[in-house]
Amino acid sequence: MKQIDVCLTPDLLQLHKIENTIVVVADVFRATSCMVTAFAYGVNSIIPVATVEECRQWQERGYLAAAERNARKVEGFELDNSPFTYMDEQIRGADVAMTTTNGTLAITKSRGAVKVLVGSFLNLDAIARFLHSERYDVLVLCAGWKGRVNLEDTLFAGALVDRLKDNYAMAEDSAIMAWRLYVQGKDNLTSYLANSSHIRRLQRLGIQKDIPYCLQHDLYDVVPVLRGNSLVSMTV
């Protein structure tokens, strides 16, 4: 039977073998939610990069550029890290370069996997349906916050485990833990996350409207997948 496992932070990724595995990267607040929204609104491709300097180099080549650090837009870039920014005609057909504090770093660390997918609650069902037809094991990589575990990405991992548990065995305790947390909180994720660190961080910055949006389930039938250096979208 295929297995699903959860890596709670990229700092633990070296403990997992990803060569024969599909990695699903989740940065719910907000990088992967932005990426899913961008593809749903017609972006052509997204190049995830680890550093602001790399992102600026792509910007100089004519790409739209999105840069975020510590939940704030980096000065000199066109786009930020709010999914509402990507509900705009300017991104339709565009190629975007993006760097964020946690999410894009997690993606770049996953390049050795069979496939790297971008997951969020917004495309949870699409990701689950895609994985049902795949023959590889799955690792959900939670982007976390600067190497630390966070609750929202762990809850996404648990939600995906919940969708796949009839076809995938839970490999390790982290998958069981994530699943049990999700089952406990799924009826009201906003309330369940109310005191979490990143919710408090976003609220201090006045970014409350992104929170309920990013926690919506199954809005979009898109599956961003890494091909070469770029994320492109598959429709399922």
Foldseek 3Di string as FASTA:
>chain_A
DAAEEEDQALVCCVVDDAQQAEEEEEDLQPALVLVQLLVQQAAFWEFQDADPVVQVVVVVVPAQEEEEELQDTDPPHDHYGFSVRSNDPVRHHGYYYYHYQFRSVSQVSNVSHPWYKYDAQQQLVLVLVVVVPDDTHYYYYYRDGPGDGWLRSLLSLLVSCVSCVVPHPHDDVSNVVSVVLNVVCVVPVCVVCVPTDVCVSCVVVVNNVRVVVSNHHHNAQWMWIDDPRITGIDGD
